[in-house]
Amino acid sequence: MTGVFRLITRPVASYRRRDRILAGQAAVILLGQLGAWLIVFYVGYALLIWPVTGGIGTAFTSAAVRRLQPPGERDRAAELPGRLAIVGT
């Protein structure tokens, strides 16, 4: 990420302008890190429920539905933690 910001600021001659551009670097890094963590969490959860869903595609779909679903609604993905407990015993 630092390399991208250096590439952007390389043609800028003014120190003030360069400083204003680089001031946003920390926020971009934090947002990128948050996005990476969310992706890793999503993939990890999908891999966790893969054995009880029957297929990798179904696991990723169920993981997405489970995360985006309003609280209180039940569907097939809501039953997965119970299925995991049964399989684990």
N, C-alpha and C. Protein backbone atom coordinates (compact mmCIF):
# COMPACT_ATOMS: atom_id res chain seq x y z
N MET A 1 0.83 -1.19 0.00
CA MET A 1 0.00 0.00 0.00
C MET A 1 0.88 1.26 0.00
N THR A 2 1.97 1.18 0.72
CA THR A 2 2.87 2.33 0.77
C THR A 2 3.42 2.63 -0.61
N GLY A 3 3.71 1.59 -1.38
CA GLY A 3 4.22 1.78 -2.73
C GLY A 3 3.23 2.50 -3.63
N VAL A 4 1.95 2.20 -3.46
CA VAL A 4 0.92 2.87 -4.26
C VAL A 4 0.88 4.35 -3.93
N PHE A 5 0.94 4.68 -2.65
CA PHE A 5 0.92 6.09 -2.27
C PHE A 5 2.19 6.81 -2.73
N ARG A 6 3.32 6.14 -2.69
CA ARG A 6 4.56 6.76 -3.20
C ARG A 6 4.46 7.00 -4.69
N LEU A 7 3.87 6.06 -5.40
CA LEU A 7 3.70 6.21 -6.85
C LEU A 7 2.77 7.39 -7.16
N ILE A 8 1.73 7.56 -6.35
CA ILE A 8 0.79 8.67 -6.55
C ILE A 8 1.46 10.01 -6.26
N THR A 9 2.28 10.06 -5.21
CA THR A 9 2.87 11.34 -4.80
C THR A 9 4.19 11.64 -5.49
N ARG A 10 4.74 10.73 -6.25
CA ARG A 10 6.02 10.98 -6.92
C ARG A 10 5.98 12.21 -7.83
N PRO A 11 4.96 12.39 -8.66
CA PRO A 11 4.98 13.57 -9.54
C PRO A 11 4.60 14.89 -8.85
N VAL A 12 4.16 14.83 -7.58
CA VAL A 12 3.73 16.03 -6.87
C VAL A 12 4.95 16.74 -6.31
N ALA A 13 5.13 18.02 -6.69
CA ALA A 13 6.31 18.77 -6.26
C ALA A 13 6.09 19.48 -4.92
N SER A 14 4.88 19.92 -4.67
CA SER A 14 4.59 20.68 -3.47
C SER A 14 4.55 19.77 -2.24
N TYR A 15 5.27 20.18 -1.20
CA TYR A 15 5.28 19.39 0.04
C TYR A 15 3.89 19.37 0.67
N ARG A 16 3.19 20.49 0.66
CA ARG A 16 1.85 20.54 1.26
C ARG A 16 0.88 19.62 0.55
N ARG A 17 0.92 19.62 -0.76
CA ARG A 17 0.03 18.75 -1.54
C ARG A 17 0.37 17.27 -1.27
N ARG A 18 1.64 16.95 -1.24
CA ARG A 18 2.07 15.58 -0.98
C ARG A 18 1.64 15.13 0.42
N ASP A 19 1.76 16.03 1.39
CA ASP A 19 1.36 15.72 2.76
C ASP A 19 -0.14 15.47 2.85
N ARG A 20 -0.93 16.24 2.13
CA ARG A 20 -2.38 16.05 2.12
C ARG A 20 -2.76 14.71 1.52
N ILE A 21 -2.04 14.29 0.49
CA ILE A 21 -2.33 12.98 -0.12
C ILE A 21 -1.94 11.86 0.84
N LEU A 22 -0.76 11.99 1.45
CA LEU A 22 -0.28 10.93 2.34
C LEU A 22 -1.05 10.88 3.65
N ALA A 23 -1.77 11.91 4.00
CA ALA A 23 -2.55 11.92 5.24
C ALA A 23 -3.65 10.85 5.21
N GLY A 24 -4.14 10.52 4.05
CA GLY A 24 -5.18 9.50 3.93
C GLY A 24 -4.66 8.08 3.90
N GLN A 25 -3.35 7.92 3.90
CA GLN A 25 -2.76 6.59 3.80
C GLN A 25 -3.15 5.70 4.98
N ALA A 26 -3.14 6.21 6.18
CA ALA A 26 -3.47 5.40 7.36
C ALA A 26 -4.92 4.91 7.29
N ALA A 27 -5.83 5.78 6.89
CA ALA A 27 -7.23 5.37 6.80
C ALA A 27 -7.43 4.30 5.73
N VAL A 28 -6.75 4.43 4.61
CA VAL A 28 -6.87 3.43 3.54
C VAL A 28 -6.30 2.09 4.01
N ILE A 29 -5.20 2.12 4.73
CA ILE A 29 -4.61 0.88 5.24
C ILE A 29 -5.56 0.21 6.24
N LEU A 30 -6.15 0.98 7.14
CA LEU A 30 -7.08 0.40 8.12
C LEU A 30 -8.33 -0.18 7.46
N LEU A 31 -8.87 0.52 6.48
CA LEU A 31 -10.04 -0.01 5.77
C LEU A 31 -9.69 -1.26 4.97
N GLY A 32 -8.51 -1.26 4.37
CA GLY A 32 -8.06 -2.46 3.64
C GLY A 32 -7.87 -3.64 4.57
N GLN A 33 -7.32 -3.38 5.74
CA GLN A 33 -7.12 -4.44 6.72
C GLN A 33 -8.47 -4.98 7.22
N LEU A 34 -9.42 -4.11 7.47
CA LEU A 34 -10.75 -4.54 7.88
C LEU A 34 -11.39 -5.40 6.79
N GLY A 35 -11.27 -4.97 5.55
CA GLY A 35 -11.81 -5.75 4.44
C GLY A 35 -11.17 -7.13 4.33
N ALA A 36 -9.86 -7.18 4.51
CA ALA A 36 -9.15 -8.47 4.47
C ALA A 36 -9.62 -9.38 5.59
N TRP A 37 -9.80 -8.83 6.79
CA TRP A 37 -10.27 -9.64 7.92
C TRP A 37 -11.68 -10.17 7.66
N LEU A 38 -12.54 -9.36 7.09
CA LEU A 38 -13.90 -9.81 6.80
C LEU A 38 -13.90 -10.93 5.76
N ILE A 39 -13.05 -10.82 4.77
CA ILE A 39 -12.95 -11.87 3.75
C ILE A 39 -12.43 -13.16 4.35
N VAL A 40 -11.40 -13.06 5.19
CA VAL A 40 -10.85 -14.26 5.84
C VAL A 40 -11.89 -14.89 6.76
N PHE A 41 -12.65 -14.08 7.48
CA PHE A 41 -13.70 -14.59 8.35
C PHE A 41 -14.76 -15.33 7.53
N TYR A 42 -15.18 -14.75 6.42
CA TYR A 42 -16.19 -15.35 5.56
C TYR A 42 -15.71 -16.69 5.00
N VAL A 43 -14.50 -16.72 4.50
CA VAL A 43 -13.95 -17.96 3.94
C VAL A 43 -13.79 -19.01 5.04
N GLY A 44 -13.31 -18.61 6.20
CA GLY A 44 -13.15 -19.55 7.31
C GLY A 44 -14.47 -20.14 7.76
N TYR A 45 -15.50 -19.31 7.86
CA TYR A 45 -16.82 -19.80 8.27
C TYR A 45 -17.38 -20.75 7.22
N ALA A 46 -17.21 -20.41 5.94
CA ALA A 46 -17.69 -21.29 4.87
C ALA A 46 -16.97 -22.64 4.90
N LEU A 47 -15.66 -22.63 5.15
CA LEU A 47 -14.93 -23.88 5.24
C LEU A 47 -15.34 -24.68 6.47
N LEU A 48 -15.72 -24.00 7.53
CA LEU A 48 -16.16 -24.68 8.74
C LEU A 48 -17.48 -25.42 8.52
N ILE A 49 -18.41 -24.83 7.78
CA ILE A 49 -19.71 -25.47 7.58
C ILE A 49 -19.76 -26.33 6.32
N TRP A 50 -18.68 -26.39 5.56
CA TRP A 50 -18.64 -27.17 4.33
C TRP A 50 -19.03 -28.64 4.54
N PRO A 51 -18.53 -29.34 5.58
CA PRO A 51 -18.87 -30.76 5.72
C PRO A 51 -20.36 -31.04 5.92
N VAL A 52 -21.10 -30.11 6.49
CA VAL A 52 -22.52 -30.37 6.77
C VAL A 52 -23.45 -29.81 5.70
N THR A 53 -22.92 -29.09 4.73
CA THR A 53 -23.78 -28.52 3.69
C THR A 53 -23.83 -29.37 2.44
N GLY A 54 -22.85 -30.22 2.24
CA GLY A 54 -22.88 -31.09 1.07
C GLY A 54 -22.05 -30.61 -0.10
N GLY A 55 -21.66 -29.37 -0.12
CA GLY A 55 -20.85 -28.86 -1.22
C GLY A 55 -20.23 -27.53 -0.87
N ILE A 56 -19.13 -27.23 -1.53
CA ILE A 56 -18.43 -25.98 -1.22
C ILE A 56 -19.24 -24.76 -1.65
N GLY A 57 -19.96 -24.88 -2.76
CA GLY A 57 -20.79 -23.76 -3.21
C GLY A 57 -21.92 -23.46 -2.24
N THR A 58 -22.54 -24.52 -1.75
CA THR A 58 -23.60 -24.36 -0.76
C THR A 58 -23.06 -23.76 0.53
N ALA A 59 -21.85 -24.16 0.90
CA ALA A 59 -21.24 -23.63 2.13
C ALA A 59 -21.02 -22.13 2.02
N PHE A 60 -20.49 -21.68 0.87
CA PHE A 60 -20.26 -20.24 0.71
C PHE A 60 -21.57 -19.47 0.64
N THR A 61 -22.58 -20.05 -0.01
CA THR A 61 -23.88 -19.39 -0.07
C THR A 61 -24.51 -19.32 1.32
N SER A 62 -24.43 -20.41 2.08
CA SER A 62 -24.99 -20.42 3.42
C SER A 62 -24.26 -19.45 4.34
N ALA A 63 -22.94 -19.36 4.20
CA ALA A 63 -22.17 -18.42 5.02
C ALA A 63 -22.58 -16.99 4.72
N ALA A 64 -22.80 -16.68 3.46
CA ALA A 64 -23.20 -15.32 3.09
C ALA A 64 -24.60 -15.02 3.59
N VAL A 65 -25.51 -15.96 3.44
CA VAL A 65 -26.89 -15.76 3.90
C VAL A 65 -26.91 -15.59 5.41
N ARG A 66 -26.12 -16.37 6.11
CA ARG A 66 -26.08 -16.31 7.58
C ARG A 66 -25.59 -14.95 8.05
N ARG A 67 -24.62 -14.37 7.39
CA ARG A 67 -24.06 -13.09 7.80
C ARG A 67 -24.95 -11.91 7.41
N LEU A 68 -25.67 -12.01 6.32
CA LEU A 68 -26.46 -10.88 5.81
C LEU A 68 -27.91 -10.92 6.25
N GLN A 69 -28.29 -11.96 6.95
CA GLN A 69 -29.68 -12.16 7.32
C GLN A 69 -30.03 -11.35 8.57
N PRO A 70 -31.21 -10.71 8.58
CA PRO A 70 -31.64 -9.99 9.79
C PRO A 70 -31.83 -10.96 10.95
N PRO A 71 -31.58 -10.53 12.18
CA PRO A 71 -31.76 -11.42 13.34
C PRO A 71 -33.19 -11.89 13.47
N GLY A 72 -33.37 -13.13 13.88
CA GLY A 72 -34.70 -13.67 14.10
C GLY A 72 -35.25 -14.49 12.96
N GLU A 73 -34.73 -14.31 11.75
CA GLU A 73 -35.22 -15.09 10.62
C GLU A 73 -34.53 -16.44 10.60
N ARG A 74 -35.31 -17.48 10.30
CA ARG A 74 -34.73 -18.82 10.26
C ARG A 74 -34.75 -19.33 8.83
N ASP A 75 -33.70 -20.01 8.48
CA ASP A 75 -33.61 -20.70 7.21
C ASP A 75 -32.65 -21.86 7.38
N ARG A 76 -32.26 -22.46 6.33
CA ARG A 76 -31.37 -23.62 6.40
C ARG A 76 -30.03 -23.26 7.05
N ALA A 77 -29.52 -22.08 6.78
CA ALA A 77 -28.24 -21.68 7.35
C ALA A 77 -28.33 -21.50 8.86
N ALA A 78 -29.49 -21.14 9.37
CA ALA A 78 -29.64 -20.94 10.81
C ALA A 78 -29.58 -22.26 11.57
N GLU A 79 -29.85 -23.37 10.90
CA GLU A 79 -29.81 -24.67 11.54
C GLU A 79 -28.42 -25.29 11.56
N LEU A 80 -27.46 -24.69 10.87
CA LEU A 80 -26.14 -25.29 10.75
C LEU A 80 -25.38 -25.46 12.05
N PRO A 81 -25.41 -24.50 12.99
CA PRO A 81 -24.68 -24.74 14.24
C PRO A 81 -25.19 -25.98 14.98
N GLY A 82 -26.49 -26.24 14.97
CA GLY A 82 -27.03 -27.45 15.57
C GLY A 82 -26.58 -28.70 14.85
N ARG A 83 -26.51 -28.64 13.54
CA ARG A 83 -26.03 -29.77 12.75
C ARG A 83 -24.57 -30.04 13.05
N LEU A 84 -23.79 -28.98 13.23
CA LEU A 84 -22.38 -29.15 13.56
C LEU A 84 -22.23 -29.84 14.91
N ALA A 85 -23.08 -29.50 15.87
CA ALA A 85 -23.00 -30.12 17.19
C ALA A 85 -23.35 -31.60 17.11
N ILE A 86 -24.31 -31.95 16.27
CA ILE A 86 -24.71 -33.35 16.12
C ILE A 86 -23.59 -34.14 15.45
N VAL A 87 -22.98 -33.58 14.42
CA VAL A 87 -21.91 -34.26 13.70
C VAL A 87 -20.70 -34.44 14.61
N GLY A 88 -20.42 -33.46 15.49
CA GLY A 88 -19.25 -33.52 16.35
C GLY A 88 -19.37 -34.51 17.49
N THR A 89 -20.56 -35.02 17.76
CA THR A 89 -20.69 -35.93 18.91
C THR A 89 -20.47 -37.37 18.51
